[in-house]
PDB file of all heavy atoms in Angstrom:
ATOM      1  N   LEU A   1      16.491  19.413 -86.979  1.00  0.00           N
ATOM      2  CA  LEU A   1      17.241  19.402 -88.239  1.00  0.00           C
ATOM      3  C   LEU A   1      18.387  18.403 -88.240  1.00  0.00           C
ATOM      4  O   LEU A   1      18.700  17.818 -89.270  1.00  0.00           O
ATOM      5  CB  LEU A   1      17.828  20.792 -88.521  1.00  0.00           C
ATOM      6  CG  LEU A   1      16.866  21.860 -88.965  1.00  0.00           C
ATOM      7  CD1 LEU A   1      17.615  23.164 -89.198  1.00  0.00           C
ATOM      8  CD2 LEU A   1      16.154  21.447 -90.241  1.00  0.00           C
ATOM      9  N   PHE A   2      19.031  18.248 -87.106  1.00  0.00           N
ATOM     10  CA  PHE A   2      20.209  17.382 -87.009  1.00  0.00           C
ATOM     11  C   PHE A   2      20.017  16.351 -85.898  1.00  0.00           C
ATOM     12  O   PHE A   2      20.769  16.327 -84.913  1.00  0.00           O
ATOM     13  CB  PHE A   2      21.461  18.218 -86.755  1.00  0.00           C
ATOM     14  CG  PHE A   2      21.678  19.322 -87.756  1.00  0.00           C
ATOM     15  CD1 PHE A   2      21.704  20.639 -87.369  1.00  0.00           C
ATOM     16  CD2 PHE A   2      21.839  19.029 -89.108  1.00  0.00           C
ATOM     17  CE1 PHE A   2      21.897  21.663 -88.284  1.00  0.00           C
ATOM     18  CE2 PHE A   2      22.025  20.038 -90.043  1.00  0.00           C
ATOM     19  CZ  PHE A   2      22.052  21.360 -89.626  1.00  0.00           C
ATOM     20  N   PRO A   3      19.016  15.475 -86.036  1.00  0.00           N
ATOM     21  CA  PRO A   3      18.718  14.539 -84.944  1.00  0.00           C
ATOM     22  C   PRO A   3      19.865  13.576 -84.634  1.00  0.00           C
ATOM     23  O   PRO A   3      20.099  13.263 -83.468  1.00  0.00           O
ATOM     24  CB  PRO A   3      17.478  13.794 -85.441  1.00  0.00           C
ATOM     25  CG  PRO A   3      17.483  13.964 -86.927  1.00  0.00           C
ATOM     26  CD  PRO A   3      18.133  15.288 -87.189  1.00  0.00           C
ATOM     27  N   LYS A   4      20.587  13.116 -85.637  1.00  0.00           N
ATOM     28  CA  LYS A   4      21.674  12.164 -85.382  1.00  0.00           C
ATOM     29  C   LYS A   4      22.795  12.804 -84.571  1.00  0.00           C
ATOM     30  O   LYS A   4      23.320  12.191 -83.639  1.00  0.00           O
ATOM     31  CB  LYS A   4      22.219  11.605 -86.697  1.00  0.00           C
ATOM     32  CG  LYS A   4      21.233  10.705 -87.415  1.00  0.00           C
ATOM     33  CD  LYS A   4      21.791  10.219 -88.731  1.00  0.00           C
ATOM     34  CE  LYS A   4      20.747   9.404 -89.477  1.00  0.00           C
ATOM     35  NZ  LYS A   4      21.235   8.961 -90.779  1.00  0.00           N
ATOM     36  N   THR A   5      23.154  14.031 -84.920  1.00  0.00           N
ATOM     37  CA  THR A   5      24.216  14.738 -84.194  1.00  0.00           C
ATOM     38  C   THR A   5      23.790  14.998 -82.752  1.00  0.00           C
ATOM     39  O   THR A   5      24.568  14.765 -81.817  1.00  0.00           O
ATOM     40  CB  THR A   5      24.553  16.065 -84.895  1.00  0.00           C
ATOM     41  OG1 THR A   5      24.993  15.774 -86.220  1.00  0.00           O
ATOM     42  CG2 THR A   5      25.634  16.824 -84.157  1.00  0.00           C
ATOM     43  N   CYS A   6      22.576  15.456 -82.566  1.00  0.00           N
ATOM     44  CA  CYS A   6      22.089  15.756 -81.217  1.00  0.00           C
ATOM     45  C   CYS A   6      21.957  14.486 -80.380  1.00  0.00           C
ATOM     46  O   CYS A   6      22.316  14.481 -79.193  1.00  0.00           O
ATOM     47  CB  CYS A   6      20.765  16.503 -81.293  1.00  0.00           C
ATOM     48  SG  CYS A   6      20.934  18.152 -82.026  1.00  0.00           S
ATOM     49  N   LEU A   7      21.476  13.412 -80.983  1.00  0.00           N
ATOM     50  CA  LEU A   7      21.364  12.148 -80.266  1.00  0.00           C
ATOM     51  C   LEU A   7      22.748  11.619 -79.890  1.00  0.00           C
ATOM     52  O   LEU A   7      22.946  11.111 -78.777  1.00  0.00           O
ATOM     53  CB  LEU A   7      20.603  11.115 -81.099  1.00  0.00           C
ATOM     54  CG  LEU A   7      20.371   9.764 -80.419  1.00  0.00           C
ATOM     55  CD1 LEU A   7      19.548   9.929 -79.144  1.00  0.00           C
ATOM     56  CD2 LEU A   7      19.686   8.805 -81.384  1.00  0.00           C
ATOM     57  N   LYS A   8      23.713  11.766 -80.792  1.00  0.00           N
ATOM     58  CA  LYS A   8      25.077  11.326 -80.497  1.00  0.00           C
ATOM     59  C   LYS A   8      25.631  12.067 -79.283  1.00  0.00           C
ATOM     60  O   LYS A   8      26.192  11.434 -78.377  1.00  0.00           O
ATOM     61  CB  LYS A   8      25.972  11.572 -81.716  1.00  0.00           C
ATOM     62  CG  LYS A   8      27.412  11.175 -81.514  1.00  0.00           C
ATOM     63  CD  LYS A   8      28.232  11.451 -82.762  1.00  0.00           C
ATOM     64  CE  LYS A   8      29.686  11.071 -82.563  1.00  0.00           C
ATOM     65  NZ  LYS A   8      30.481  11.304 -83.784  1.00  0.00           N
ATOM     66  N   MET A   9      25.471  13.386 -79.246  1.00  0.00           N
ATOM     67  CA  MET A   9      25.956  14.158 -78.098  1.00  0.00           C
ATOM     68  C   MET A   9      25.270  13.695 -76.813  1.00  0.00           C
ATOM     69  O   MET A   9      25.924  13.524 -75.773  1.00  0.00           O
ATOM     70  CB  MET A   9      25.707  15.651 -78.311  1.00  0.00           C
ATOM     71  CG  MET A   9      26.605  16.268 -79.339  1.00  0.00           C
ATOM     72  SD  MET A   9      26.479  18.077 -79.421  1.00  0.00           S
ATOM     73  CE  MET A   9      24.915  18.285 -80.234  1.00  0.00           C
ATOM     74  N   THR A  10      23.963  13.469 -76.889  1.00  0.00           N
ATOM     75  CA  THR A  10      23.202  13.048 -75.716  1.00  0.00           C
ATOM     76  C   THR A  10      23.665  11.687 -75.219  1.00  0.00           C
ATOM     77  O   THR A  10      23.941  11.508 -74.028  1.00  0.00           O
ATOM     78  CB  THR A  10      21.702  13.001 -76.042  1.00  0.00           C
ATOM     79  OG1 THR A  10      21.284  14.299 -76.475  1.00  0.00           O
ATOM     80  CG2 THR A  10      20.875  12.564 -74.851  1.00  0.00           C
ATOM     81  N   ARG A  11      23.765  10.737 -76.122  1.00  0.00           N
ATOM     82  CA  ARG A  11      24.159   9.373 -75.727  1.00  0.00           C
ATOM     83  C   ARG A  11      25.581   9.325 -75.167  1.00  0.00           C
ATOM     84  O   ARG A  11      25.844   8.613 -74.196  1.00  0.00           O
ATOM     85  CB  ARG A  11      24.026   8.410 -76.907  1.00  0.00           C
ATOM     86  CG  ARG A  11      22.607   8.210 -77.390  1.00  0.00           C
ATOM     87  CD  ARG A  11      21.769   7.453 -76.369  1.00  0.00           C
ATOM     88  NE  ARG A  11      20.464   7.174 -76.904  1.00  0.00           N
ATOM     89  CZ  ARG A  11      19.317   7.617 -76.379  1.00  0.00           C
ATOM     90  NH1 ARG A  11      19.346   8.340 -75.286  1.00  0.00           N
ATOM     91  NH2 ARG A  11      18.171   7.315 -76.925  1.00  0.00           N
ATOM     92  N   LEU A  12      26.501  10.081 -75.763  1.00  0.00           N
ATOM     93  CA  LEU A  12      27.871  10.109 -75.246  1.00  0.00           C
ATOM     94  C   LEU A  12      27.905  10.700 -73.839  1.00  0.00           C
ATOM     95  O   LEU A  12      28.583  10.164 -72.953  1.00  0.00           O
ATOM     96  CB  LEU A  12      28.781  10.905 -76.188  1.00  0.00           C
ATOM     97  CG  LEU A  12      29.125  10.218 -77.509  1.00  0.00           C
ATOM     98  CD1 LEU A  12      29.766  11.207 -78.480  1.00  0.00           C
ATOM     99  CD2 LEU A  12      30.035   9.015 -77.274  1.00  0.00           C
ATOM    100  N   ALA A  13      27.180  11.774 -73.627  1.00  0.00           N
ATOM    101  CA  ALA A  13      27.132  12.382 -72.287  1.00  0.00           C
ATOM    102  C   ALA A  13      26.494  11.432 -71.285  1.00  0.00           C
ATOM    103  O   ALA A  13      27.003  11.260 -70.171  1.00  0.00           O
ATOM    104  CB  ALA A  13      26.373  13.705 -72.330  1.00  0.00           C
ATOM    105  N   GLN A  14      25.414  10.767 -71.685  1.00  0.00           N
ATOM    106  CA  GLN A  14      24.748   9.820 -70.792  1.00  0.00           C
ATOM    107  C   GLN A  14      25.642   8.637 -70.442  1.00  0.00           C
ATOM    108  O   GLN A  14      25.514   8.058 -69.366  1.00  0.00           O
ATOM    109  CB  GLN A  14      23.451   9.319 -71.420  1.00  0.00           C
ATOM    110  CG  GLN A  14      22.366  10.364 -71.482  1.00  0.00           C
ATOM    111  CD  GLN A  14      21.142   9.903 -72.239  1.00  0.00           C
ATOM    112  OE1 GLN A  14      21.211   9.057 -73.134  1.00  0.00           O
ATOM    113  NE2 GLN A  14      19.998  10.473 -71.902  1.00  0.00           N
ATOM    114  N   ALA A  15      26.547   8.294 -71.347  1.00  0.00           N
ATOM    115  CA  ALA A  15      27.478   7.189 -71.110  1.00  0.00           C
ATOM    116  C   ALA A  15      28.689   7.619 -70.281  1.00  0.00           C
ATOM    117  O   ALA A  15      29.579   6.814 -70.011  1.00  0.00           O
ATOM    118  CB  ALA A  15      27.938   6.599 -72.446  1.00  0.00           C
ATOM    119  N   GLY A  16      28.725   8.904 -69.896  1.00  0.00           N
ATOM    120  CA  GLY A  16      29.845   9.392 -69.103  1.00  0.00           C
ATOM    121  C   GLY A  16      31.069   9.744 -69.926  1.00  0.00           C
ATOM    122  O   GLY A  16      32.154   9.915 -69.375  1.00  0.00           O
ATOM    123  N   LEU A  17      30.912   9.857 -71.233  1.00  0.00           N
ATOM    124  CA  LEU A  17      32.023  10.170 -72.131  1.00  0.00           C
ATOM    125  C   LEU A  17      32.000  11.671 -72.443  1.00  0.00           C
ATOM    126  O   LEU A  17      31.737  12.101 -73.565  1.00  0.00           O
ATOM    127  CB  LEU A  17      31.915   9.327 -73.405  1.00  0.00           C
ATOM    128  CG  LEU A  17      31.919   7.807 -73.169  1.00  0.00           C
ATOM    129  CD1 LEU A  17      31.567   7.059 -74.430  1.00  0.00           C
ATOM    130  CD2 LEU A  17      33.267   7.356 -72.616  1.00  0.00           C
ATOM    131  N   ALA A  18      32.300  12.459 -71.423  1.00  0.00           N
ATOM    132  CA  ALA A  18      32.165  13.914 -71.508  1.00  0.00           C
ATOM    133  C   ALA A  18      33.006  14.521 -72.623  1.00  0.00           C
ATOM    134  O   ALA A  18      32.517  15.365 -73.375  1.00  0.00           O
ATOM    135  CB  ALA A  18      32.525  14.549 -70.164  1.00  0.00           C
ATOM    136  N   ASP A  19      34.257  14.113 -72.730  1.00  0.00           N
ATOM    137  CA  ASP A  19      35.129  14.693 -73.766  1.00  0.00           C
ATOM    138  C   ASP A  19      34.618  14.375 -75.161  1.00  0.00           C
ATOM    139  O   ASP A  19      34.618  15.237 -76.044  1.00  0.00           O
ATOM    140  CB  ASP A  19      36.566  14.205 -73.611  1.00  0.00           C
ATOM    141  CG  ASP A  19      37.241  14.767 -72.371  1.00  0.00           C
ATOM    142  OD1 ASP A  19      36.787  15.811 -71.860  1.00  0.00           O
ATOM    143  OD2 ASP A  19      38.226  14.154 -71.918  1.00  0.00           O
ATOM    144  N   GLU A  20      34.166  13.144 -75.358  1.00  0.00           N
ATOM    145  CA  GLU A  20      33.638  12.757 -76.665  1.00  0.00           C
ATOM    146  C   GLU A  20      32.343  13.496 -76.976  1.00  0.00           C
ATOM    147  O   GLU A  20      32.079  13.843 -78.126  1.00  0.00           O
ATOM    148  CB  GLU A  20      33.416  11.239 -76.739  1.00  0.00           C
ATOM    149  CG  GLU A  20      34.690  10.438 -76.765  1.00  0.00           C
ATOM    150  CD  GLU A  20      35.213  10.087 -75.363  1.00  0.00           C
ATOM    151  OE1 GLU A  20      34.800  10.736 -74.371  1.00  0.00           O
ATOM    152  OE2 GLU A  20      36.047   9.179 -75.268  1.00  0.00           O
ATOM    153  N   ALA A  21      31.528  13.751 -75.965  1.00  0.00           N
ATOM    154  CA  ALA A  21      30.273  14.485 -76.161  1.00  0.00           C
ATOM    155  C   ALA A  21      30.539  15.936 -76.545  1.00  0.00           C
ATOM    156  O   ALA A  21      29.754  16.539 -77.277  1.00  0.00           O
ATOM    157  CB  ALA A  21      29.421  14.424 -74.891  1.00  0.00           C
ATOM    158  N   GLU A  22      31.639  16.481 -76.066  1.00  0.00           N
ATOM    159  CA  GLU A  22      31.993  17.870 -76.378  1.00  0.00           C
ATOM    160  C   GLU A  22      32.395  18.056 -77.841  1.00  0.00           C
ATOM    161  O   GLU A  22      32.219  19.142 -78.396  1.00  0.00           O
ATOM    162  CB  GLU A  22      33.141  18.345 -75.490  1.00  0.00           C
ATOM    163  CG  GLU A  22      32.781  18.560 -74.048  1.00  0.00           C
ATOM    164  CD  GLU A  22      32.034  19.842 -73.786  1.00  0.00           C
ATOM    165  OE1 GLU A  22      31.974  20.712 -74.671  1.00  0.00           O
ATOM    166  OE2 GLU A  22      31.506  19.971 -72.673  1.00  0.00           O
ATOM    167  N   GLN A  23      32.930  17.020 -78.473  1.00  0.00           N
ATOM    168  CA  GLN A  23      33.465  17.165 -79.832  1.00  0.00           C
ATOM    169  C   GLN A  23      32.421  17.636 -80.842  1.00  0.00           C
ATOM    170  O   GLN A  23      32.670  18.615 -81.551  1.00  0.00           O
ATOM    171  CB  GLN A  23      34.138  15.867 -80.281  1.00  0.00           C
ATOM    172  CG  GLN A  23      35.410  15.591 -79.510  1.00  0.00           C
ATOM    173  CD  GLN A  23      36.011  14.226 -79.814  1.00  0.00           C
ATOM    174  OE1 GLN A  23      35.475  13.457 -80.596  1.00  0.00           O
ATOM    175  NE2 GLN A  23      37.134  13.935 -79.179  1.00  0.00           N
ATOM    176  N   PRO A  24      31.268  16.988 -80.962  1.00  0.00           N
ATOM    177  CA  PRO A  24      30.274  17.505 -81.929  1.00  0.00           C
ATOM    178  C   PRO A  24      29.779  18.899 -81.561  1.00  0.00           C
ATOM    179  O   PRO A  24      29.530  19.732 -82.441  1.00  0.00           O
ATOM    180  CB  PRO A  24      29.128  16.488 -81.874  1.00  0.00           C
ATOM    181  CG  PRO A  24      29.633  15.327 -81.124  1.00  0.00           C
ATOM    182  CD  PRO A  24      30.827  15.755 -80.341  1.00  0.00           C
TER     183      PRO A  24
END
């Protein structure tokens, strides 16, 4: 249902941006 939001969380975590991945 929310592919963009889920992809954003995944990509941020994969980039090592843990705090940013937590926000969504």
